Amino acid sequence: MPFPPTRAAHPHRGDDVLQAELSIPAHIPSELVFDFDRMRAPEMQRCPHRQAHGLYRTAPRIFYTPRNGGHWIVARAEDALDMLRRIDLFSSDPKYCPAMVREPRTNPNRYDPPEHTQFRAIINPFFSPRAVQARETEIRELARALIAEVRPRGQCEFFKEIGRRFPVNIFLKMANAPLSDRATLLEYVDGFTKKPDLAERNASLAALGEHLKRYVAEREANPGDDIVSAVVRAQVFGRPISAAEKLGMVTLLFLGGLDTVAAMLSFIMDYLGHHPEQYARIVNEPGLLPQAVEELMRVHGVAGMERAATHDFEYKGIQFKAGDHLIFQPQLYGLDEEKIDDPFRVDFGRPMSPHLVFGAGVHRCIGSHLARLEIRVFLEEWTRAIPQFRTASA
């Protein structure tokens, strides 16, 4: 459970927290300080979506935590939607905030327009609705093959045997990367996205970068029709992109392609395995699946976003200073009762509920169409092959 909001109370919490609290920037009032560690909170490790209950009961809607170098967390959907669209105030560019300098700045998520527009255009053709739809047959064939592997046994370790392999294999094919590299790549991506220690995260990112340099060099020597080849031969503003820009873009693609859908699909299957009545609905009413996918994604968002304040300003009564670091957590926004009636109830008959699983504004996730297709196709094939299943008790 997150700690109560405080600046200097609770001396029993340890010297590390006290030291962090002593360094809280002067412009942040004590009533907006809430000690929450998104990297180490138990509910974040077991199921990140459960944190919403505690935060909505006790935390301010926008609060500052001293953990992980100190940063703001935006807890409410309405605020997040507006702030993610206000690139004049809240930028993705780490030049405004040293704490954001981890993966290379030279990927599209680290630019704002007009640079972002130019770089995103390089990979847009691979993620358009038409391009994604053209992959449905191969995606369906892979889903069937993976399900056929585990079905005769009557059990599986879903995340390891299917949740990871299904979307990761799809992306590796898009990148023309060997499946034999999958375990190594996942080790690096997991290290960057899941380890709480900053030095360990940076080391994992550096190792991933060294591995990806090999792919870049191979495509420069022998380009194909894959997404990495599109990056290495691209131009922006009438010039070839630089070596750093190539690596930055490829890094972004692999970080997104190897983690997000795997985690979301595994959370969705865990939910369905614990709620057989919900699973029976989509088995018996397959026409519900598109709507069910949206509802399941709403409550199982995983990918976080970050921004930096571009200058000193006041927003909704809160003073932000240039360089302030902000974290957005979409697993909260689909569970916000201010925007969604009874948000913790999963209802496949609910009108399409707004959510921010894929972000908002110019940086909205480019892979959203692919993610939706992968999850829908997988559930179609799983429900046909396995009309009943449950999640085993841990």
Protein backbone atom coordinates (compact mmCIF):
# COMPACT_ATOMS: atom_id res chain seq x y z
CA MET A 1 0.00 0.00 0.00
CA PRO A 2 1.41 3.46 -0.83
CA PHE A 3 2.53 5.58 2.10
CA PRO A 4 0.28 8.41 3.27
CA PRO A 5 0.98 11.80 1.71
CA THR A 6 3.62 13.55 3.75
CA ARG A 7 6.82 15.52 3.51
CA ALA A 8 8.63 14.93 6.79
CA ALA A 9 6.50 12.59 8.88
CA HIS A 10 7.10 8.89 9.44
CA PRO A 11 10.80 8.96 10.42
CA HIS A 12 10.71 5.15 10.78
CA ARG A 13 10.63 4.73 7.03
CA GLY A 14 14.40 4.80 6.68
CA ASP A 15 17.24 7.17 5.93
CA ASP A 16 16.91 6.77 2.17
CA VAL A 17 13.35 8.08 2.19
CA LEU A 18 14.16 10.84 4.65
CA GLN A 19 17.08 11.98 2.54
CA ALA A 20 14.88 11.98 -0.55
CA GLU A 21 12.25 14.00 1.27
CA LEU A 22 14.82 16.56 2.40
CA SER A 23 15.64 17.18 -1.24
CA ILE A 24 12.06 17.72 -2.42
CA PRO A 25 12.14 20.83 -4.61
CA ALA A 26 11.04 23.98 -2.84
CA HIS A 27 8.22 24.75 -5.28
CA ILE A 28 6.33 21.55 -4.39
CA PRO A 29 3.93 21.96 -1.43
CA SER A 30 3.77 19.23 1.21
CA GLU A 31 0.13 18.41 0.44
CA LEU A 32 1.16 17.24 -3.04
CA VAL A 33 3.95 14.94 -1.79
CA PHE A 34 2.98 11.27 -1.70
CA ASP A 35 5.63 8.62 -1.09
CA PHE A 36 5.00 5.97 -3.74
CA ASP A 37 7.63 3.81 -5.43
CA ARG A 38 6.29 2.62 -8.77
CA MET A 39 9.33 0.35 -9.28
CA ARG A 40 9.16 -1.45 -5.93
CA ALA A 41 5.56 -1.29 -4.72
CA PRO A 42 4.37 -4.89 -4.13
CA GLU A 43 1.17 -4.37 -6.12
CA MET A 44 3.23 -3.11 -9.05
CA GLN A 45 5.20 -6.36 -9.08
CA ARG A 46 2.22 -8.72 -8.66
CA CYS A 47 -0.41 -6.87 -10.65
CA PRO A 48 0.15 -3.20 -11.48
CA HIS A 49 -3.56 -2.57 -11.98
CA ARG A 50 -4.38 -3.09 -8.30
CA GLN A 51 -2.51 0.04 -7.33
CA ALA A 52 -5.40 2.17 -8.62
CA HIS A 53 -7.59 1.37 -5.60
CA GLY A 54 -5.02 2.63 -3.12
CA LEU A 55 -3.93 5.66 -5.09
CA TYR A 56 -7.45 6.87 -5.81
CA ARG A 57 -8.37 6.59 -2.12
CA THR A 58 -5.39 8.42 -0.69
CA ALA A 59 -3.23 10.25 -3.23
CA PRO A 60 -3.73 13.67 -4.81
CA ARG A 61 -4.77 13.54 -8.46
CA ILE A 62 -1.35 14.87 -9.46
CA PHE A 63 1.33 14.20 -6.85
CA TYR A 64 5.08 14.28 -6.37
CA THR A 65 6.95 11.24 -5.05
CA PRO A 66 10.55 11.42 -3.77
CA ARG A 67 11.30 7.93 -5.06
CA ASN A 68 13.46 7.10 -8.08
CA GLY A 69 15.06 10.49 -8.23
CA GLY A 70 11.82 12.36 -7.58
CA HIS A 71 9.02 12.83 -10.09
CA TRP A 72 5.37 13.69 -10.52
CA ILE A 73 2.73 11.01 -11.11
CA VAL A 74 -0.46 11.93 -12.94
CA ALA A 75 -3.16 9.70 -11.48
CA ARG A 76 -6.36 10.84 -13.20
CA ALA A 77 -7.43 10.22 -16.79
CA GLU A 78 -8.78 13.69 -17.53
CA ASP A 79 -5.53 15.34 -16.49
CA ALA A 80 -3.42 12.78 -18.32
CA LEU A 81 -5.33 13.17 -21.59
CA ASP A 82 -4.89 16.93 -21.60
CA MET A 83 -1.27 16.90 -20.45
CA LEU A 84 -0.18 14.29 -23.00
CA ARG A 85 -1.58 16.52 -25.73
CA ARG A 86 0.13 19.68 -24.45
CA ILE A 87 3.60 19.23 -25.92
CA ASP A 88 4.19 22.95 -25.43
CA LEU A 89 4.15 22.33 -21.66
CA PHE A 90 5.04 18.65 -21.27
CA SER A 91 7.69 17.40 -23.66
CA SER A 92 9.12 13.97 -24.47
CA ASP A 93 12.52 15.51 -25.20
CA PRO A 94 15.07 14.63 -22.48
CA LYS A 95 16.94 17.87 -23.11
CA TYR A 96 14.50 19.34 -20.59
CA CYS A 97 15.11 16.69 -17.91
CA PRO A 98 18.35 14.75 -17.29
CA ALA A 99 16.39 11.99 -15.51
CA MET A 100 14.83 11.07 -18.85
CA VAL A 101 18.18 10.42 -20.55
CA ARG A 102 18.31 6.62 -20.73
CA GLU A 103 17.49 5.19 -24.11
CA PRO A 104 18.93 7.24 -26.98
CA ARG A 105 17.31 10.61 -27.52
CA THR A 106 17.40 9.80 -31.22
CA ASN A 107 14.21 7.77 -31.28
CA PRO A 108 10.83 9.24 -32.27
CA ASN A 109 9.50 9.10 -28.70
CA ARG A 110 12.25 11.52 -27.68
CA TYR A 111 11.36 14.12 -30.27
CA ASP A 112 8.47 16.52 -30.54
CA PRO A 113 7.20 17.85 -33.88
CA PRO A 114 8.49 18.63 -36.43
CA GLU A 115 11.30 16.08 -35.83
CA HIS A 116 8.89 13.51 -34.45
CA THR A 117 6.69 13.75 -37.54
CA GLN A 118 9.61 13.06 -39.88
CA PHE A 119 10.95 10.09 -37.95
CA ARG A 120 7.56 8.52 -37.32
CA ALA A 121 6.82 8.68 -41.05
CA ILE A 122 9.66 6.19 -41.63
CA ILE A 123 7.86 3.39 -39.78
CA ASN A 124 4.22 4.42 -40.28
CA PRO A 125 3.81 2.16 -43.35
CA PHE A 126 4.50 -0.94 -41.23
CA PHE A 127 1.78 -0.12 -38.68
CA SER A 128 -1.03 1.30 -40.81
CA PRO A 129 -4.39 -0.50 -40.55
CA ARG A 130 -3.93 -1.91 -44.06
CA ALA A 131 -0.39 -3.18 -43.39
CA VAL A 132 -1.44 -4.73 -40.09
CA GLN A 133 -4.48 -6.41 -41.63
CA ALA A 134 -2.24 -7.96 -44.28
CA ARG A 135 -0.46 -9.86 -41.49
CA GLU A 136 -3.59 -11.45 -40.05
CA THR A 137 -3.09 -14.82 -41.74
CA GLU A 138 0.46 -15.29 -40.45
CA ILE A 139 -0.57 -14.06 -37.00
CA ARG A 140 -3.45 -16.54 -36.93
CA GLU A 141 -1.22 -19.40 -38.08
CA LEU A 142 1.27 -18.66 -35.30
CA ALA A 143 -1.50 -18.53 -32.70
CA ARG A 144 -2.82 -21.90 -33.84
CA ALA A 145 0.64 -23.47 -33.80
CA LEU A 146 1.42 -22.30 -30.26
CA ILE A 147 -1.96 -23.42 -28.95
CA ALA A 148 -1.53 -26.80 -30.62
CA GLU A 149 1.77 -27.26 -28.77
CA VAL A 150 0.26 -26.91 -25.30
CA ARG A 151 -3.29 -28.20 -25.74
CA PRO A 152 -2.47 -31.94 -25.58
CA ARG A 153 -0.72 -31.46 -22.21
CA GLY A 154 -3.75 -29.85 -20.62
CA GLN A 155 -1.63 -27.16 -18.99
CA CYS A 156 1.04 -24.58 -19.73
CA GLU A 157 3.04 -21.77 -18.19
CA PHE A 158 1.27 -19.16 -20.29
CA PHE A 159 3.62 -16.20 -20.12
CA LYS A 160 6.70 -18.25 -20.92
CA GLU A 161 5.25 -20.68 -23.45
CA ILE A 162 2.78 -18.46 -25.30
CA GLY A 163 2.45 -14.92 -23.92
CA ARG A 164 6.03 -14.10 -24.74
CA ARG A 165 6.52 -16.18 -27.86
CA PHE A 166 3.39 -15.08 -29.71
CA PRO A 167 3.85 -11.29 -30.07
CA VAL A 168 7.64 -11.46 -29.90
CA ASN A 169 7.87 -13.91 -32.78
CA ILE A 170 5.57 -11.67 -34.82
CA PHE A 171 7.78 -8.65 -34.23
CA LEU A 172 11.03 -10.51 -34.87
CA LYS A 173 9.62 -11.54 -38.24
CA MET A 174 8.77 -7.90 -39.02
CA ALA A 175 12.37 -7.01 -38.14
CA ASN A 176 13.85 -10.04 -39.93
CA ALA A 177 15.68 -10.88 -36.70
CA PRO A 178 16.53 -14.52 -35.94
CA LEU A 179 14.27 -16.34 -33.50
CA SER A 180 17.43 -17.76 -31.95
CA ASP A 181 18.14 -14.27 -30.58
CA ARG A 182 14.81 -14.10 -28.75
CA ALA A 183 16.02 -15.14 -25.30
CA THR A 184 18.98 -12.75 -25.36
CA LEU A 185 16.88 -9.82 -26.54
CA LEU A 186 14.22 -10.49 -23.92
CA GLU A 187 16.85 -10.62 -21.19
CA TYR A 188 18.04 -7.14 -22.16
CA VAL A 189 14.53 -5.71 -22.52
CA ASP A 190 13.43 -7.19 -19.17
CA GLY A 191 16.49 -5.74 -17.52
CA PHE A 192 15.68 -2.28 -18.83
CA THR A 193 11.94 -2.30 -18.17
CA LYS A 194 11.69 -4.26 -14.91
CA LYS A 195 14.81 -3.91 -12.77
CA PRO A 196 14.38 -1.30 -10.02
CA ASP A 197 18.06 -0.35 -9.93
CA LEU A 198 18.91 2.46 -12.38
CA ALA A 199 22.46 1.24 -12.99
CA GLU A 200 21.19 -2.22 -13.87
CA ARG A 201 18.57 -0.76 -16.20
CA ASN A 202 21.19 1.33 -17.97
CA ALA A 203 23.51 -1.66 -18.30
CA SER A 204 20.72 -3.71 -19.88
CA LEU A 205 19.94 -0.90 -22.30
CA ALA A 206 23.59 -0.60 -23.28
CA ALA A 207 23.77 -4.35 -23.91
CA LEU A 208 20.63 -4.18 -26.04
CA GLY A 209 22.13 -1.33 -28.05
CA GLU A 210 25.30 -3.29 -28.75
CA HIS A 211 23.22 -6.23 -29.95
CA LEU A 212 21.07 -4.06 -32.20
CA LYS A 213 24.11 -2.42 -33.79
CA ARG A 214 24.72 -5.76 -35.44
CA TYR A 215 21.29 -5.74 -37.05
CA VAL A 216 21.84 -2.19 -38.28
CA ALA A 217 25.19 -3.09 -39.82
CA GLU A 218 23.72 -6.18 -41.49
CA ARG A 219 20.89 -4.16 -43.09
CA GLU A 220 23.28 -1.47 -44.24
CA ALA A 221 25.25 -4.15 -46.07
CA ASN A 222 22.25 -6.12 -47.30
CA PRO A 223 18.93 -4.25 -46.97
CA GLY A 224 15.60 -6.02 -47.32
CA ASP A 225 11.93 -5.17 -46.95
CA ASP A 226 11.85 -5.42 -43.13
CA ILE A 227 11.35 -2.57 -40.70
CA VAL A 228 15.03 -2.34 -39.69
CA SER A 229 16.01 -1.97 -43.35
CA ALA A 230 13.45 0.82 -43.72
CA VAL A 231 15.11 2.65 -40.85
CA VAL A 232 18.70 2.32 -42.06
CA ARG A 233 17.94 3.62 -45.56
CA ALA A 234 15.61 6.42 -44.44
CA GLN A 235 15.97 10.16 -44.86
CA VAL A 236 14.66 13.02 -42.74
CA PHE A 237 14.60 16.67 -43.76
CA GLY A 238 16.22 15.64 -47.03
CA ARG A 239 19.27 13.97 -45.47
CA PRO A 240 20.16 10.38 -44.52
CA ILE A 241 19.58 9.66 -40.86
CA SER A 242 22.70 9.38 -38.71
CA ALA A 243 24.12 6.26 -37.10
CA ALA A 244 22.84 7.41 -33.70
CA GLU A 245 19.38 8.04 -35.12
CA LYS A 246 19.30 4.59 -36.71
CA LEU A 247 20.19 2.94 -33.42
CA GLY A 248 17.72 5.10 -31.50
CA MET A 249 14.84 4.17 -33.76
CA VAL A 250 15.68 0.47 -33.80
CA THR A 251 16.00 0.50 -30.00
CA LEU A 252 12.54 2.05 -29.69
CA LEU A 253 11.05 -0.59 -31.98
CA PHE A 254 12.54 -3.50 -30.06
CA LEU A 255 11.60 -2.10 -26.64
CA GLY A 256 7.99 -1.78 -27.75
CA GLY A 257 7.79 -4.91 -29.85
CA LEU A 258 9.24 -7.29 -27.28
CA ASP A 259 7.41 -6.27 -24.13
CA THR A 260 4.07 -4.47 -24.31
CA VAL A 261 1.70 -6.97 -25.95
CA ALA A 262 3.33 -9.93 -24.20
CA ALA A 263 2.59 -8.38 -20.81
CA MET A 264 -0.91 -7.20 -21.70
CA LEU A 265 -1.96 -10.52 -23.23
CA SER A 266 -0.69 -12.42 -20.20
CA PHE A 267 -2.64 -10.18 -17.81
CA ILE A 268 -5.76 -10.67 -19.95
CA MET A 269 -5.43 -14.45 -19.93
CA ASP A 270 -4.81 -14.46 -16.20
CA TYR A 271 -8.03 -12.50 -15.73
CA LEU A 272 -10.05 -14.83 -17.96
CA GLY A 273 -8.60 -17.86 -16.19
CA HIS A 274 -9.82 -16.48 -12.89
CA HIS A 275 -13.26 -15.53 -14.26
CA PRO A 276 -14.73 -18.55 -16.08
CA GLU A 277 -18.12 -16.88 -16.45
CA GLN A 278 -16.52 -14.06 -18.46
CA TYR A 279 -14.55 -16.50 -20.54
CA ALA A 280 -17.70 -18.51 -21.27
CA ARG A 281 -19.33 -15.37 -22.66
CA ILE A 282 -16.74 -14.91 -25.39
CA VAL A 283 -16.67 -18.64 -26.10
CA ASN A 284 -20.44 -18.71 -26.60
CA GLU A 285 -20.73 -15.25 -28.18
CA PRO A 286 -17.67 -14.80 -30.41
CA GLY A 287 -19.20 -11.66 -31.88
CA LEU A 288 -18.42 -9.99 -28.55
CA LEU A 289 -14.68 -10.37 -29.03
CA PRO A 290 -13.83 -6.96 -30.57
CA GLN A 291 -15.67 -5.20 -27.75
CA ALA A 292 -14.26 -7.61 -25.17
CA VAL A 293 -10.72 -6.88 -26.35
CA GLU A 294 -11.23 -3.14 -25.78
CA GLU A 295 -12.70 -3.76 -22.33
CA LEU A 296 -9.90 -6.13 -21.35
CA MET A 297 -7.24 -3.72 -22.59
CA ARG A 298 -8.90 -0.92 -20.62
CA VAL A 299 -8.19 -2.66 -17.33
CA HIS A 300 -4.84 -4.17 -18.31
CA GLY A 301 -2.74 -1.31 -19.65
CA VAL A 302 0.97 -1.76 -19.04
CA ALA A 303 3.19 0.73 -20.86
CA GLY A 304 4.14 3.90 -18.99
CA MET A 305 5.00 7.29 -20.44
CA GLU A 306 7.07 10.19 -19.21
CA ARG A 307 7.31 13.89 -19.93
CA ALA A 308 9.28 16.92 -18.76
CA ALA A 309 8.09 20.44 -18.02
CA THR A 310 9.45 22.71 -20.75
CA HIS A 311 9.52 25.88 -18.63
CA ASP A 312 8.13 27.35 -15.41
CA PHE A 313 4.33 27.55 -15.44
CA GLU A 314 1.17 26.90 -13.43
CA TYR A 315 -1.16 24.11 -14.51
CA LYS A 316 -4.47 23.50 -12.72
CA GLY A 317 -3.19 25.36 -9.69
CA ILE A 318 0.09 23.41 -9.53
CA GLN A 319 3.44 25.10 -10.00
CA PHE A 320 5.76 23.24 -12.37
CA LYS A 321 9.37 24.20 -12.89
CA ALA A 322 11.41 23.67 -16.03
CA GLY A 323 12.82 20.15 -15.98
CA ASP A 324 10.21 18.64 -13.65
CA HIS A 325 9.86 14.94 -14.45
CA LEU A 326 6.35 13.49 -14.92
CA ILE A 327 5.24 9.84 -15.12
CA PHE A 328 1.97 8.74 -16.72
CA GLN A 329 0.61 5.27 -15.91
CA PRO A 330 -2.20 4.14 -18.24
CA GLN A 331 -3.11 1.21 -16.00
CA LEU A 332 -4.67 3.87 -13.77
CA TYR A 333 -6.64 5.77 -16.37
CA GLY A 334 -8.89 2.93 -17.49
CA LEU A 335 -9.90 2.47 -13.84
CA ASP A 336 -10.78 6.09 -13.12
CA GLU A 337 -14.33 6.36 -11.78
CA GLU A 338 -14.41 10.01 -12.83
CA LYS A 339 -14.46 8.85 -16.47
CA ILE A 340 -15.93 5.33 -16.34
CA ASP A 341 -18.91 4.03 -14.38
CA ASP A 342 -17.99 1.17 -12.03
CA PRO A 343 -14.53 0.94 -13.63
CA PHE A 344 -13.35 -2.17 -11.78
CA ARG A 345 -16.23 -4.20 -13.24
CA VAL A 346 -15.28 -5.84 -16.54
CA ASP A 347 -18.36 -5.65 -18.77
CA PHE A 348 -18.13 -6.89 -22.35
CA GLY A 349 -21.48 -5.24 -23.07
CA ARG A 350 -20.28 -1.84 -21.93
CA PRO A 351 -20.25 0.88 -24.61
CA MET A 352 -16.69 1.33 -25.82
CA SER A 353 -14.96 2.90 -22.84
CA PRO A 354 -12.33 5.58 -23.32
CA HIS A 355 -8.88 4.53 -22.21
CA LEU A 356 -5.31 5.69 -22.62
CA VAL A 357 -3.64 2.29 -22.96
CA PHE A 358 -1.90 3.55 -26.10
CA GLY A 359 -1.32 7.08 -24.88
CA ALA A 360 -2.62 10.25 -26.50
CA GLY A 361 -1.49 13.11 -28.67
CA VAL A 362 1.29 13.02 -31.24
CA HIS A 363 3.12 10.27 -29.34
CA ARG A 364 0.19 7.86 -29.31
CA CYS A 365 1.49 4.30 -29.70
CA ILE A 366 2.17 3.54 -33.35
CA GLY A 367 1.61 -0.17 -32.73
CA SER A 368 -1.97 0.10 -31.46
CA HIS A 369 -3.56 -1.50 -34.55
CA LEU A 370 -1.11 -4.40 -34.42
CA ALA A 371 -1.66 -4.93 -30.69
CA ARG A 372 -5.44 -5.05 -31.11
CA LEU A 373 -5.19 -7.51 -33.98
CA GLU A 374 -2.78 -9.80 -32.13
CA ILE A 375 -4.95 -9.96 -29.02
CA ARG A 376 -8.20 -10.44 -30.94
CA VAL A 377 -6.82 -13.14 -33.23
CA PHE A 378 -5.22 -14.99 -30.34
CA LEU A 379 -8.45 -15.00 -28.32
CA GLU A 380 -10.42 -16.16 -31.35
CA GLU A 381 -8.13 -19.15 -31.78
CA TRP A 382 -7.81 -19.94 -28.07
CA THR A 383 -11.58 -19.88 -27.48
CA ARG A 384 -12.16 -22.20 -30.45
CA ALA A 385 -9.51 -24.69 -29.36
CA ILE A 386 -9.94 -24.53 -25.59
CA PRO A 387 -13.55 -23.83 -24.53
CA GLN A 388 -12.70 -24.09 -20.83
CA PHE A 389 -9.59 -23.25 -18.83
CA ARG A 390 -8.61 -21.82 -15.49
CA THR A 391 -5.59 -20.17 -13.94
CA ALA A 392 -3.85 -22.53 -11.55
CA SER A 393 -3.36 -21.30 -8.00
CA ALA A 394 0.13 -20.05 -7.29
